[in-house]
Amino acid sequence: MSLQNSIKLEKEISRVYFSCTICDIPQTILFDPGSPNTVITTFLKNQLNLPSSGDRTTLNISNEKITVDPVILPTLAMGNLTLNNVKVYAGLTTNKWRDIVILGLNVLNQLIYTVDRSDDSGFISIELSQKAAIFCTTIFNRLIGKKGYYLTDSENE
């Protein structure tokens, strides 16, 4: 697995969007360091037949409260970087979010990333942090609770 990665950004300058695949299904990542957790659509959860991995909770996304289920993505590939067993929430509506994945801090905290906007759209370079490279089989299997701390499997929000 290569740890360094450079991915072309989509043209919109006000946000950072780039292509990814989840279990070989093309998606678009919205890079969102303001979001504590990574969130996918309910449609993608159902398409992949992903079971809930814990209790439902409510998140505030784009000034809208949504009910979400924790699920585990078998693979999330961004360029040549593939993450396994990534715990995320599912609950975005397809009509509003289409094929968007909100990439939040539960994943971003484990990456080193640089956004380069020196040309029309730009690039994002991504690599695993040293800690994540050592523990990558389990470190992405965590969510961040409403108090800003990583949740344990026995914790509810």
C-alpha atoms as a PDB file:
ATOM      1  CA  MET A   1       0.000   0.000   0.000  1.00  0.00           C
ATOM      2  CA  SER A   2       1.363   3.392  -0.954  1.00  0.00           C
ATOM      3  CA  LEU A   3       1.146   5.961   1.817  1.00  0.00           C
ATOM      4  CA  GLN A   4       1.464   9.050  -0.426  1.00  0.00           C
ATOM      5  CA  ASN A   5      -1.416  10.054  -2.649  1.00  0.00           C
ATOM      6  CA  SER A   6      -2.275  13.001  -4.906  1.00  0.00           C
ATOM      7  CA  ILE A   7      -5.886  13.329  -6.061  1.00  0.00           C
ATOM      8  CA  LYS A   8      -7.261  15.917  -8.490  1.00  0.00           C
ATOM      9  CA  LEU A   9      -9.921  18.149  -6.970  1.00  0.00           C
ATOM     10  CA  GLU A  10     -13.184  19.006  -8.639  1.00  0.00           C
ATOM     11  CA  LYS A  11     -13.499  22.517 -10.081  1.00  0.00           C
ATOM     12  CA  GLU A  12     -15.558  24.158  -7.326  1.00  0.00           C
ATOM     13  CA  ILE A  13     -13.155  26.399  -5.440  1.00  0.00           C
ATOM     14  CA  SER A  14     -15.245  27.124  -2.314  1.00  0.00           C
ATOM     15  CA  ARG A  15     -15.188  23.476  -1.182  1.00  0.00           C
ATOM     16  CA  VAL A  16     -12.800  20.554  -1.445  1.00  0.00           C
ATOM     17  CA  TYR A  17     -14.389  17.698  -3.432  1.00  0.00           C
ATOM     18  CA  PHE A  18     -12.620  14.684  -4.918  1.00  0.00           C
ATOM     19  CA  SER A  19     -13.447  11.193  -6.189  1.00  0.00           C
ATOM     20  CA  CYS A  20     -13.301   8.060  -4.092  1.00  0.00           C
ATOM     21  CA  THR A  21     -14.794   4.585  -4.108  1.00  0.00           C
ATOM     22  CA  ILE A  22     -16.571   2.758  -1.339  1.00  0.00           C
ATOM     23  CA  CYS A  23     -16.545  -0.984  -1.946  1.00  0.00           C
ATOM     24  CA  ASP A  24     -15.838  -0.206  -5.638  1.00  0.00           C
ATOM     25  CA  ILE A  25     -18.840   2.152  -5.924  1.00  0.00           C
ATOM     26  CA  PRO A  26     -17.806   5.629  -7.161  1.00  0.00           C
ATOM     27  CA  GLN A  27     -18.601   8.419  -4.726  1.00  0.00           C
ATOM     28  CA  THR A  28     -17.547  12.048  -4.231  1.00  0.00           C
ATOM     29  CA  ILE A  29     -15.902  13.098  -0.989  1.00  0.00           C
ATOM     30  CA  LEU A  30     -16.696  16.447   0.579  1.00  0.00           C
ATOM     31  CA  PHE A  31     -13.604  17.117   2.670  1.00  0.00           C
ATOM     32  CA  ASP A  32     -15.082  18.592   5.872  1.00  0.00           C
ATOM     33  CA  PRO A  33     -12.737  19.185   8.826  1.00  0.00           C
ATOM     34  CA  GLY A  34     -15.675  20.886  10.557  1.00  0.00           C
ATOM     35  CA  SER A  35     -17.583  17.600  10.740  1.00  0.00           C
ATOM     36  CA  PRO A  36     -16.634  15.282  13.611  1.00  0.00           C
ATOM     37  CA  ASN A  37     -17.634  12.142  11.712  1.00  0.00           C
ATOM     38  CA  THR A  38     -17.696  10.693   8.238  1.00  0.00           C
ATOM     39  CA  VAL A  39     -21.256  10.317   6.912  1.00  0.00           C
ATOM     40  CA  ILE A  40     -22.679   8.459   3.882  1.00  0.00           C
ATOM     41  CA  THR A  41     -26.147   8.304   2.339  1.00  0.00           C
ATOM     42  CA  THR A  42     -28.763   5.849   3.513  1.00  0.00           C
ATOM     43  CA  PHE A  43     -29.020   4.750  -0.131  1.00  0.00           C
ATOM     44  CA  LEU A  44     -25.359   3.657  -0.157  1.00  0.00           C
ATOM     45  CA  LYS A  45     -25.813   1.838   3.171  1.00  0.00           C
ATOM     46  CA  ASN A  46     -28.751  -0.083   1.677  1.00  0.00           C
ATOM     47  CA  GLN A  47     -26.994  -0.652  -1.658  1.00  0.00           C
ATOM     48  CA  LEU A  48     -24.058  -2.268   0.181  1.00  0.00           C
ATOM     49  CA  ASN A  49     -26.407  -4.079   2.589  1.00  0.00           C
ATOM     50  CA  LEU A  50     -24.445  -2.746   5.583  1.00  0.00           C
ATOM     51  CA  PRO A  51     -25.865  -3.664   8.988  1.00  0.00           C
ATOM     52  CA  SER A  52     -25.973  -1.104  11.771  1.00  0.00           C
ATOM     53  CA  SER A  53     -23.059  -1.477  14.162  1.00  0.00           C
ATOM     54  CA  GLY A  54     -24.615   0.324  17.125  1.00  0.00           C
ATOM     55  CA  ASP A  55     -27.408   2.580  18.303  1.00  0.00           C
ATOM     56  CA  ARG A  56     -29.001   5.251  16.132  1.00  0.00           C
ATOM     57  CA  THR A  57     -28.247   8.860  17.027  1.00  0.00           C
ATOM     58  CA  THR A  58     -28.988  12.347  15.740  1.00  0.00           C
ATOM     59  CA  LEU A  59     -26.457  14.601  14.014  1.00  0.00           C
ATOM     60  CA  ASN A  60     -26.698  18.202  12.905  1.00  0.00           C
ATOM     61  CA  ILE A  61     -25.519  18.408   9.288  1.00  0.00           C
ATOM     62  CA  SER A  62     -25.870  21.615   7.265  1.00  0.00           C
ATOM     63  CA  ASN A  63     -28.259  23.042   9.869  1.00  0.00           C
ATOM     64  CA  GLU A  64     -30.494  19.973   9.609  1.00  0.00           C
ATOM     65  CA  LYS A  65     -30.945  17.314  12.293  1.00  0.00           C
ATOM     66  CA  ILE A  66     -30.776  13.838  10.801  1.00  0.00           C
ATOM     67  CA  THR A  67     -31.075  10.407  12.353  1.00  0.00           C
ATOM     68  CA  VAL A  68     -28.105   8.219  11.515  1.00  0.00           C
ATOM     69  CA  ASP A  69     -26.949   4.633  11.985  1.00  0.00           C
ATOM     70  CA  PRO A  70     -23.325   3.691  12.660  1.00  0.00           C
ATOM     71  CA  VAL A  71     -22.029   1.301   9.973  1.00  0.00           C
ATOM     72  CA  ILE A  72     -18.643  -0.095   9.021  1.00  0.00           C
ATOM     73  CA  LEU A  73     -17.398   0.427   5.467  1.00  0.00           C
ATOM     74  CA  PRO A  74     -15.313  -2.554   4.368  1.00  0.00           C
ATOM     75  CA  THR A  75     -13.220  -0.311   2.066  1.00  0.00           C
ATOM     76  CA  LEU A  76     -12.861   3.398   1.404  1.00  0.00           C
ATOM     77  CA  ALA A  77     -10.406   4.147  -1.418  1.00  0.00           C
ATOM     78  CA  MET A  78      -9.084   7.645  -2.094  1.00  0.00           C
ATOM     79  CA  GLY A  79      -6.700   7.521  -5.045  1.00  0.00           C
ATOM     80  CA  ASN A  80      -4.194   4.785  -4.206  1.00  0.00           C
ATOM     81  CA  LEU A  81      -4.898   4.928  -0.447  1.00  0.00           C
ATOM     82  CA  THR A  82      -7.364   2.287   0.757  1.00  0.00           C
ATOM     83  CA  LEU A  83      -8.741   2.254   4.292  1.00  0.00           C
ATOM     84  CA  ASN A  84     -10.438  -0.837   5.686  1.00  0.00           C
ATOM     85  CA  ASN A  85     -13.193  -1.189   8.283  1.00  0.00           C
ATOM     86  CA  VAL A  86     -13.987   2.509   8.537  1.00  0.00           C
ATOM     87  CA  LYS A  87     -16.754   3.299  11.021  1.00  0.00           C
ATOM     88  CA  VAL A  88     -19.085   5.990   9.666  1.00  0.00           C
ATOM     89  CA  TYR A  89     -22.653   7.161  10.037  1.00  0.00           C
ATOM     90  CA  ALA A  90     -25.313   6.528   7.384  1.00  0.00           C
ATOM     91  CA  GLY A  91     -28.280   8.842   7.083  1.00  0.00           C
ATOM     92  CA  LEU A  92     -27.780  11.474   4.394  1.00  0.00           C
ATOM     93  CA  THR A  93     -30.702  11.674   1.986  1.00  0.00           C
ATOM     94  CA  THR A  94     -29.938  10.881  -1.648  1.00  0.00           C
ATOM     95  CA  ASN A  95     -32.075  13.705  -3.041  1.00  0.00           C
ATOM     96  CA  LYS A  96     -29.963  16.317  -1.221  1.00  0.00           C
ATOM     97  CA  TRP A  97     -26.557  14.610  -1.090  1.00  0.00           C
ATOM     98  CA  ARG A  98     -26.556  12.380  -4.240  1.00  0.00           C
ATOM     99  CA  ASP A  99     -23.282  10.420  -4.105  1.00  0.00           C
ATOM    100  CA  ILE A 100     -21.557  12.646  -1.540  1.00  0.00           C
ATOM    101  CA  VAL A 101     -19.583  11.271   1.392  1.00  0.00           C
ATOM    102  CA  ILE A 102     -18.799  13.794   4.125  1.00  0.00           C
ATOM    103  CA  LEU A 103     -15.239  13.009   5.199  1.00  0.00           C
ATOM    104  CA  GLY A 104     -15.056  14.043   8.857  1.00  0.00           C
ATOM    105  CA  LEU A 105     -12.497  14.201  11.635  1.00  0.00           C
ATOM    106  CA  ASN A 106     -12.807  10.552  12.685  1.00  0.00           C
ATOM    107  CA  VAL A 107     -10.897   9.795   9.456  1.00  0.00           C
ATOM    108  CA  LEU A 108      -9.130  13.117   8.870  1.00  0.00           C
ATOM    109  CA  ASN A 109      -7.421  12.942  12.284  1.00  0.00           C
ATOM    110  CA  GLN A 110      -5.579   9.846  11.026  1.00  0.00           C
ATOM    111  CA  LEU A 111      -4.331  11.466   7.804  1.00  0.00           C
ATOM    112  CA  ILE A 112      -1.755  14.007   6.772  1.00  0.00           C
ATOM    113  CA  TYR A 113      -3.194  16.101   3.974  1.00  0.00           C
ATOM    114  CA  THR A 114      -2.265  19.134   1.881  1.00  0.00           C
ATOM    115  CA  VAL A 115      -4.654  21.003  -0.392  1.00  0.00           C
ATOM    116  CA  ASP A 116      -2.955  22.723  -3.348  1.00  0.00           C
ATOM    117  CA  ARG A 117      -5.115  25.242  -5.243  1.00  0.00           C
ATOM    118  CA  SER A 118      -2.304  26.590  -7.450  1.00  0.00           C
ATOM    119  CA  ASP A 119      -4.106  25.713 -10.707  1.00  0.00           C
ATOM    120  CA  ASP A 120      -7.771  25.817 -11.808  1.00  0.00           C
ATOM    121  CA  SER A 121      -9.039  23.099  -9.513  1.00  0.00           C
ATOM    122  CA  GLY A 122      -6.009  21.833  -7.600  1.00  0.00           C
ATOM    123  CA  PHE A 123      -4.935  18.649  -5.893  1.00  0.00           C
ATOM    124  CA  ILE A 124      -5.112  17.106  -2.466  1.00  0.00           C
ATOM    125  CA  SER A 125      -2.219  14.979  -1.223  1.00  0.00           C
ATOM    126  CA  ILE A 126      -3.139  12.376   1.374  1.00  0.00           C
ATOM    127  CA  GLU A 127      -1.086   9.955   3.408  1.00  0.00           C
ATOM    128  CA  LEU A 128      -1.637   8.039   6.601  1.00  0.00           C
ATOM    129  CA  SER A 129      -0.228   9.557   9.765  1.00  0.00           C
ATOM    130  CA  GLN A 130       2.557   7.499  11.313  1.00  0.00           C
ATOM    131  CA  LYS A 131       0.231   6.307  14.087  1.00  0.00           C
ATOM    132  CA  ALA A 132      -2.475   5.310  11.584  1.00  0.00           C
ATOM    133  CA  ALA A 133       0.062   3.484   9.401  1.00  0.00           C
ATOM    134  CA  ILE A 134       1.003   1.327  12.395  1.00  0.00           C
ATOM    135  CA  PHE A 135      -2.546   0.700  13.642  1.00  0.00           C
ATOM    136  CA  CYS A 136      -4.542   1.003  10.390  1.00  0.00           C
ATOM    137  CA  THR A 137      -6.494  -2.219  10.935  1.00  0.00           C
ATOM    138  CA  THR A 138      -8.422  -0.773  13.885  1.00  0.00           C
ATOM    139  CA  ILE A 139      -7.905   2.974  14.151  1.00  0.00           C
ATOM    140  CA  PHE A 140     -10.626   3.916  11.649  1.00  0.00           C
ATOM    141  CA  ASN A 141     -13.214   1.909  13.563  1.00  0.00           C
ATOM    142  CA  ARG A 142     -14.046   4.832  15.879  1.00  0.00           C
ATOM    143  CA  LEU A 143     -16.586   7.632  15.871  1.00  0.00           C
ATOM    144  CA  ILE A 144     -16.477  10.966  17.674  1.00  0.00           C
ATOM    145  CA  GLY A 145     -19.211  11.720  20.217  1.00  0.00           C
ATOM    146  CA  LYS A 146     -21.078  14.967  20.820  1.00  0.00           C
ATOM    147  CA  LYS A 147     -18.583  15.950  23.540  1.00  0.00           C
ATOM    148  CA  GLY A 148     -15.716  15.744  21.039  1.00  0.00           C
ATOM    149  CA  TYR A 149     -14.083  12.526  22.243  1.00  0.00           C
ATOM    150  CA  TYR A 150     -13.742   9.165  20.501  1.00  0.00           C
ATOM    151  CA  LEU A 151     -16.539   6.811  21.471  1.00  0.00           C
ATOM    152  CA  THR A 152     -15.817   3.335  22.728  1.00  0.00           C
ATOM    153  CA  ASP A 153     -17.936   0.407  21.571  1.00  0.00           C
ATOM    154  CA  SER A 154     -19.802   0.429  24.893  1.00  0.00           C
ATOM    155  CA  GLU A 155     -20.584   4.172  24.839  1.00  0.00           C
ATOM    156  CA  ASN A 156     -23.739   5.797  23.602  1.00  0.00           C
ATOM    157  CA  GLU A 157     -23.872   9.441  22.694  1.00  0.00           C
END
